[in-house]
Amino acid sequence: MASEQSTAPGGDRLSAGRVGKAHGLDGSFHVTRPRPGVLKNGIPLFVNGRETKARRFAGTADKPILAVDGVFSRNDVEALRGQDLWVGREHVPALGPDEWWAEDLEGCEVFDGDVTVGTVRNLLVLPSCEVLEVTRAAGGADLLVPLVRDAVRTVDVDARRIEIDLEFLGEGGSDAA
């Protein structure tokens, strides 16, 4: 599964992180909320509505430091601080079976058989596993669905449909929503 990220401005891009505080004087900056394995030297990026390219990648996958074309000073970084860094899907690593980007799950309708449960609002990363935060169709408290085989029967991103097992989640069977 992919970690929680912001929703992309277009379906062809994924968030790679956010511009954080400046690092040094050359326009380098810390990346907050980085998506592991995506950022690297030379990768085309979109930030603040314009295309740029990573000219320097340093640090670690968990705490990357990045410099991009067109950003050459601490003042330039401060002007972009908090902005999302977007990368084209063609530049991200391929996912394995039963793996999805958080952006692709957000907005999917959730069902238990014929019972409409709600809509995925967010993907949360918890210490033990990733969890779908589902806004219930009938109102009430959100439902947290762990992304484990016993709780999630199927995920069809193209159909925007996720099948879950409410009985496994302690909801009393498929007739309870």
C-alpha atoms as a PDB file:
ATOM      1  CA  MET A   1       0.000   0.000   0.000  1.00  0.00           C
ATOM      2  CA  ALA A   2       1.082   3.546  -0.479  1.00  0.00           C
ATOM      3  CA  SER A   3       1.299   6.045   2.301  1.00  0.00           C
ATOM      4  CA  GLU A   4      -1.294   8.735   2.912  1.00  0.00           C
ATOM      5  CA  GLN A   5      -0.901  11.676   0.570  1.00  0.00           C
ATOM      6  CA  SER A   6      -2.850  14.640  -0.770  1.00  0.00           C
ATOM      7  CA  THR A   7      -5.216  14.322  -3.671  1.00  0.00           C
ATOM      8  CA  ALA A   8      -3.537  15.111  -6.971  1.00  0.00           C
ATOM      9  CA  PRO A   9      -4.764  17.943  -9.205  1.00  0.00           C
ATOM     10  CA  GLY A  10      -4.993  15.481 -12.086  1.00  0.00           C
ATOM     11  CA  GLY A  11      -5.302  11.721 -12.273  1.00  0.00           C
ATOM     12  CA  ASP A  12      -1.994  11.495 -14.127  1.00  0.00           C
ATOM     13  CA  ARG A  13       0.040  12.779 -11.140  1.00  0.00           C
ATOM     14  CA  LEU A  14       0.803  11.616  -7.624  1.00  0.00           C
ATOM     15  CA  SER A  15       2.054  13.608  -4.676  1.00  0.00           C
ATOM     16  CA  ALA A  16       5.750  13.031  -4.012  1.00  0.00           C
ATOM     17  CA  GLY A  17       5.813  15.150  -0.830  1.00  0.00           C
ATOM     18  CA  ARG A  18       5.766  18.821   0.143  1.00  0.00           C
ATOM     19  CA  VAL A  19       8.282  21.627   0.109  1.00  0.00           C
ATOM     20  CA  GLY A  20       9.593  22.006   3.650  1.00  0.00           C
ATOM     21  CA  LYS A  21      12.108  24.346   5.243  1.00  0.00           C
ATOM     22  CA  ALA A  22      15.206  25.532   3.413  1.00  0.00           C
ATOM     23  CA  HIS A  23      18.447  23.569   3.727  1.00  0.00           C
ATOM     24  CA  GLY A  24      21.508  25.713   3.153  1.00  0.00           C
ATOM     25  CA  LEU A  25      21.750  28.716   0.844  1.00  0.00           C
ATOM     26  CA  ASP A  26      21.478  27.158  -2.641  1.00  0.00           C
ATOM     27  CA  GLY A  27      17.686  26.661  -2.778  1.00  0.00           C
ATOM     28  CA  SER A  28      17.749  23.127  -1.407  1.00  0.00           C
ATOM     29  CA  PHE A  29      14.899  22.176   0.904  1.00  0.00           C
ATOM     30  CA  HIS A  30      13.672  19.397   3.139  1.00  0.00           C
ATOM     31  CA  VAL A  31      10.775  17.390   1.733  1.00  0.00           C
ATOM     32  CA  THR A  32       7.969  16.745   4.201  1.00  0.00           C
ATOM     33  CA  ARG A  33       5.596  13.785   3.857  1.00  0.00           C
ATOM     34  CA  PRO A  34       7.842  12.179   1.198  1.00  0.00           C
ATOM     35  CA  ARG A  35       6.548   9.258  -0.853  1.00  0.00           C
ATOM     36  CA  PRO A  36       9.327   6.643  -0.584  1.00  0.00           C
ATOM     37  CA  GLY A  37      11.123   5.616  -3.756  1.00  0.00           C
ATOM     38  CA  VAL A  38       9.746   8.414  -5.945  1.00  0.00           C
ATOM     39  CA  LEU A  39      12.136  11.355  -5.620  1.00  0.00           C
ATOM     40  CA  LYS A  40      15.471  11.148  -7.441  1.00  0.00           C
ATOM     41  CA  ASN A  41      17.840  13.293  -9.507  1.00  0.00           C
ATOM     42  CA  GLY A  42      16.509  14.375 -12.884  1.00  0.00           C
ATOM     43  CA  ILE A  43      12.859  13.474 -12.267  1.00  0.00           C
ATOM     44  CA  PRO A  44      10.329  15.951 -13.709  1.00  0.00           C
ATOM     45  CA  LEU A  45       8.186  17.531 -10.984  1.00  0.00           C
ATOM     46  CA  PHE A  46       5.305  19.953 -10.781  1.00  0.00           C
ATOM     47  CA  VAL A  47       5.223  22.510  -7.978  1.00  0.00           C
ATOM     48  CA  ASN A  48       2.993  25.549  -7.605  1.00  0.00           C
ATOM     49  CA  GLY A  49       1.480  24.991 -11.047  1.00  0.00           C
ATOM     50  CA  ARG A  50       4.713  24.805 -13.015  1.00  0.00           C
ATOM     51  CA  GLU A  51       6.961  22.045 -14.264  1.00  0.00           C
ATOM     52  CA  THR A  52      10.512  21.790 -12.989  1.00  0.00           C
ATOM     53  CA  LYS A  53      13.168  19.117 -12.558  1.00  0.00           C
ATOM     54  CA  ALA A  54      15.000  17.751  -9.532  1.00  0.00           C
ATOM     55  CA  ARG A  55      18.606  18.908  -9.895  1.00  0.00           C
ATOM     56  CA  ARG A  56      19.861  17.482  -6.599  1.00  0.00           C
ATOM     57  CA  PHE A  57      18.675  14.720  -4.307  1.00  0.00           C
ATOM     58  CA  ALA A  58      20.355  14.145  -0.942  1.00  0.00           C
ATOM     59  CA  GLY A  59      19.457  12.885   2.491  1.00  0.00           C
ATOM     60  CA  THR A  60      17.557   9.625   2.904  1.00  0.00           C
ATOM     61  CA  ALA A  61      14.303   8.222   1.548  1.00  0.00           C
ATOM     62  CA  ASP A  62      12.620   9.106   4.855  1.00  0.00           C
ATOM     63  CA  LYS A  63      14.210  12.566   5.154  1.00  0.00           C
ATOM     64  CA  PRO A  64      15.034  13.741   1.649  1.00  0.00           C
ATOM     65  CA  ILE A  65      16.644  17.028   0.714  1.00  0.00           C
ATOM     66  CA  LEU A  66      15.843  18.268  -2.768  1.00  0.00           C
ATOM     67  CA  ALA A  67      16.867  21.102  -5.056  1.00  0.00           C
ATOM     68  CA  VAL A  68      14.850  21.880  -8.180  1.00  0.00           C
ATOM     69  CA  ASP A  69      15.466  24.024 -11.241  1.00  0.00           C
ATOM     70  CA  GLY A  70      14.323  27.613 -10.786  1.00  0.00           C
ATOM     71  CA  VAL A  71      14.715  27.620  -6.991  1.00  0.00           C
ATOM     72  CA  PHE A  72      18.133  28.991  -6.058  1.00  0.00           C
ATOM     73  CA  SER A  73      17.817  30.763  -2.704  1.00  0.00           C
ATOM     74  CA  ARG A  74      16.286  30.467   0.749  1.00  0.00           C
ATOM     75  CA  ASN A  75      13.766  33.147  -0.258  1.00  0.00           C
ATOM     76  CA  ASP A  76      12.719  31.057  -3.272  1.00  0.00           C
ATOM     77  CA  VAL A  77      12.166  28.077  -0.962  1.00  0.00           C
ATOM     78  CA  GLU A  78      10.137  30.150   1.518  1.00  0.00           C
ATOM     79  CA  ALA A  79       7.852  31.264  -1.326  1.00  0.00           C
ATOM     80  CA  LEU A  80       7.098  27.581  -2.073  1.00  0.00           C
ATOM     81  CA  ARG A  81       7.056  26.225   1.465  1.00  0.00           C
ATOM     82  CA  GLY A  82       4.044  23.957   2.048  1.00  0.00           C
ATOM     83  CA  GLN A  83       3.380  23.428  -1.671  1.00  0.00           C
ATOM     84  CA  ASP A  84       2.872  19.864  -2.909  1.00  0.00           C
ATOM     85  CA  LEU A  85       5.435  18.277  -5.203  1.00  0.00           C
ATOM     86  CA  TRP A  86       3.702  16.280  -7.954  1.00  0.00           C
ATOM     87  CA  VAL A  87       5.222  13.615 -10.176  1.00  0.00           C
ATOM     88  CA  GLY A  88       3.784  11.979 -13.282  1.00  0.00           C
ATOM     89  CA  ARG A  89       2.614   8.408 -12.737  1.00  0.00           C
ATOM     90  CA  GLU A  90       4.963   7.253 -15.487  1.00  0.00           C
ATOM     91  CA  HIS A  91       7.888   8.191 -13.207  1.00  0.00           C
ATOM     92  CA  VAL A  92       6.815   6.257 -10.090  1.00  0.00           C
ATOM     93  CA  PRO A  93       7.750   2.660  -9.309  1.00  0.00           C
ATOM     94  CA  ALA A  94       5.294   0.000 -10.437  1.00  0.00           C
ATOM     95  CA  LEU A  95       3.033  -1.382  -7.733  1.00  0.00           C
ATOM     96  CA  GLY A  96       2.714  -5.051  -6.951  1.00  0.00           C
ATOM     97  CA  PRO A  97      -0.454  -7.091  -6.766  1.00  0.00           C
ATOM     98  CA  ASP A  98      -2.880  -5.907  -4.074  1.00  0.00           C
ATOM     99  CA  GLU A  99      -1.145  -2.522  -3.869  1.00  0.00           C
ATOM    100  CA  TRP A 100      -2.817   0.807  -4.643  1.00  0.00           C
ATOM    101  CA  TRP A 101      -1.957   4.461  -4.415  1.00  0.00           C
ATOM    102  CA  ALA A 102      -3.890   6.265  -1.678  1.00  0.00           C
ATOM    103  CA  GLU A 103      -5.214   8.739  -4.261  1.00  0.00           C
ATOM    104  CA  ASP A 104      -6.791   5.872  -6.203  1.00  0.00           C
ATOM    105  CA  LEU A 105      -8.709   4.576  -3.174  1.00  0.00           C
ATOM    106  CA  GLU A 106     -10.035   7.949  -2.010  1.00  0.00           C
ATOM    107  CA  GLY A 107     -13.588   8.441  -3.267  1.00  0.00           C
ATOM    108  CA  CYS A 108     -14.233   4.737  -3.922  1.00  0.00           C
ATOM    109  CA  GLU A 109     -17.668   3.462  -2.857  1.00  0.00           C
ATOM    110  CA  VAL A 110     -17.604   0.770  -0.166  1.00  0.00           C
ATOM    111  CA  PHE A 111     -20.071  -2.136  -0.091  1.00  0.00           C
ATOM    112  CA  ASP A 112     -20.791  -5.340   1.795  1.00  0.00           C
ATOM    113  CA  GLY A 113     -22.613  -7.312  -0.890  1.00  0.00           C
ATOM    114  CA  ASP A 114     -25.678  -5.243  -1.839  1.00  0.00           C
ATOM    115  CA  VAL A 115     -25.383  -2.987   1.228  1.00  0.00           C
ATOM    116  CA  THR A 116     -23.870   0.443   0.598  1.00  0.00           C
ATOM    117  CA  VAL A 117     -21.520   1.205   3.473  1.00  0.00           C
ATOM    118  CA  GLY A 118     -20.089   4.555   2.405  1.00  0.00           C
ATOM    119  CA  THR A 119     -17.206   6.305   0.645  1.00  0.00           C
ATOM    120  CA  VAL A 120     -13.453   6.174   1.291  1.00  0.00           C
ATOM    121  CA  ARG A 121     -12.409   9.586   2.592  1.00  0.00           C
ATOM    122  CA  ASN A 122      -8.787   8.848   3.369  1.00  0.00           C
ATOM    123  CA  LEU A 123      -6.114   6.216   3.759  1.00  0.00           C
ATOM    124  CA  LEU A 124      -4.553   6.308   7.211  1.00  0.00           C
ATOM    125  CA  VAL A 125      -1.165   4.801   7.988  1.00  0.00           C
ATOM    126  CA  LEU A 126      -1.235   3.240  11.446  1.00  0.00           C
ATOM    127  CA  PRO A 127       1.604   1.358  13.158  1.00  0.00           C
ATOM    128  CA  SER A 128       0.058  -2.075  12.529  1.00  0.00           C
ATOM    129  CA  CYS A 129      -1.443  -1.563   9.047  1.00  0.00           C
ATOM    130  CA  GLU A 130      -3.032   0.891   6.665  1.00  0.00           C
ATOM    131  CA  VAL A 131      -6.709   1.659   7.228  1.00  0.00           C
ATOM    132  CA  LEU A 132      -9.479   3.000   5.009  1.00  0.00           C
ATOM    133  CA  GLU A 133     -11.398   5.820   6.670  1.00  0.00           C
ATOM    134  CA  VAL A 134     -14.952   5.385   5.359  1.00  0.00           C
ATOM    135  CA  THR A 135     -17.642   8.048   5.648  1.00  0.00           C
ATOM    136  CA  ARG A 136     -20.871   6.117   6.180  1.00  0.00           C
ATOM    137  CA  ALA A 137     -23.665   6.531   3.656  1.00  0.00           C
ATOM    138  CA  ALA A 138     -26.292   6.445   6.437  1.00  0.00           C
ATOM    139  CA  GLY A 139     -24.436   8.935   8.634  1.00  0.00           C
ATOM    140  CA  GLY A 140     -22.943   8.205  12.005  1.00  0.00           C
ATOM    141  CA  ALA A 141     -19.369   7.582  13.021  1.00  0.00           C
ATOM    142  CA  ASP A 142     -16.765   6.865  10.381  1.00  0.00           C
ATOM    143  CA  LEU A 143     -15.833   3.231   9.829  1.00  0.00           C
ATOM    144  CA  LEU A 144     -12.164   2.259   9.921  1.00  0.00           C
ATOM    145  CA  VAL A 145     -11.425  -0.723   7.684  1.00  0.00           C
ATOM    146  CA  PRO A 146      -7.980  -2.326   8.002  1.00  0.00           C
ATOM    147  CA  LEU A 147      -6.442  -3.259   4.663  1.00  0.00           C
ATOM    148  CA  VAL A 148      -6.208  -6.952   5.471  1.00  0.00           C
ATOM    149  CA  ARG A 149      -7.669  -9.853   3.484  1.00  0.00           C
ATOM    150  CA  ASP A 150     -10.230 -10.761   6.166  1.00  0.00           C
ATOM    151  CA  ALA A 151     -11.727  -7.254   6.119  1.00  0.00           C
ATOM    152  CA  VAL A 152     -11.404  -6.345   2.430  1.00  0.00           C
ATOM    153  CA  ARG A 153     -12.788  -8.847  -0.068  1.00  0.00           C
ATOM    154  CA  THR A 154     -12.008  -6.995  -3.306  1.00  0.00           C
ATOM    155  CA  VAL A 155     -10.756  -3.663  -4.577  1.00  0.00           C
ATOM    156  CA  ASP A 156     -11.697  -2.563  -8.102  1.00  0.00           C
ATOM    157  CA  VAL A 157     -10.104   0.842  -8.606  1.00  0.00           C
ATOM    158  CA  ASP A 158     -11.381   1.126 -12.192  1.00  0.00           C
ATOM    159  CA  ALA A 159     -14.991   0.559 -11.033  1.00  0.00           C
ATOM    160  CA  ARG A 160     -14.349   2.757  -7.920  1.00  0.00           C
ATOM    161  CA  ARG A 161     -15.741  -0.105  -5.764  1.00  0.00           C
ATOM    162  CA  ILE A 162     -14.410  -1.795  -2.629  1.00  0.00           C
ATOM    163  CA  GLU A 163     -16.092  -4.865  -1.097  1.00  0.00           C
ATOM    164  CA  ILE A 164     -15.647  -5.365   2.644  1.00  0.00           C
ATOM    165  CA  ASP A 165     -16.846  -7.836   5.287  1.00  0.00           C
ATOM    166  CA  LEU A 166     -18.864  -5.993   7.933  1.00  0.00           C
ATOM    167  CA  GLU A 167     -19.257  -9.154   9.997  1.00  0.00           C
ATOM    168  CA  PHE A 168     -15.468  -9.452  10.319  1.00  0.00           C
ATOM    169  CA  LEU A 169     -15.430  -5.822  11.455  1.00  0.00           C
ATOM    170  CA  GLY A 170     -17.917  -6.609  14.229  1.00  0.00           C
ATOM    171  CA  GLU A 171     -20.864  -4.983  12.495  1.00  0.00           C
ATOM    172  CA  GLY A 172     -23.167  -8.055  12.812  1.00  0.00           C
ATOM    173  CA  GLY A 173     -23.247  -9.306   9.223  1.00  0.00           C
ATOM    174  CA  SER A 174     -24.078  -7.942   5.797  1.00  0.00           C
ATOM    175  CA  ASP A 175     -27.505  -6.682   6.894  1.00  0.00           C
ATOM    176  CA  ALA A 176     -25.990  -4.105   9.258  1.00  0.00           C
ATOM    177  CA  ALA A 177     -24.574  -0.846   7.937  1.00  0.00           C
END
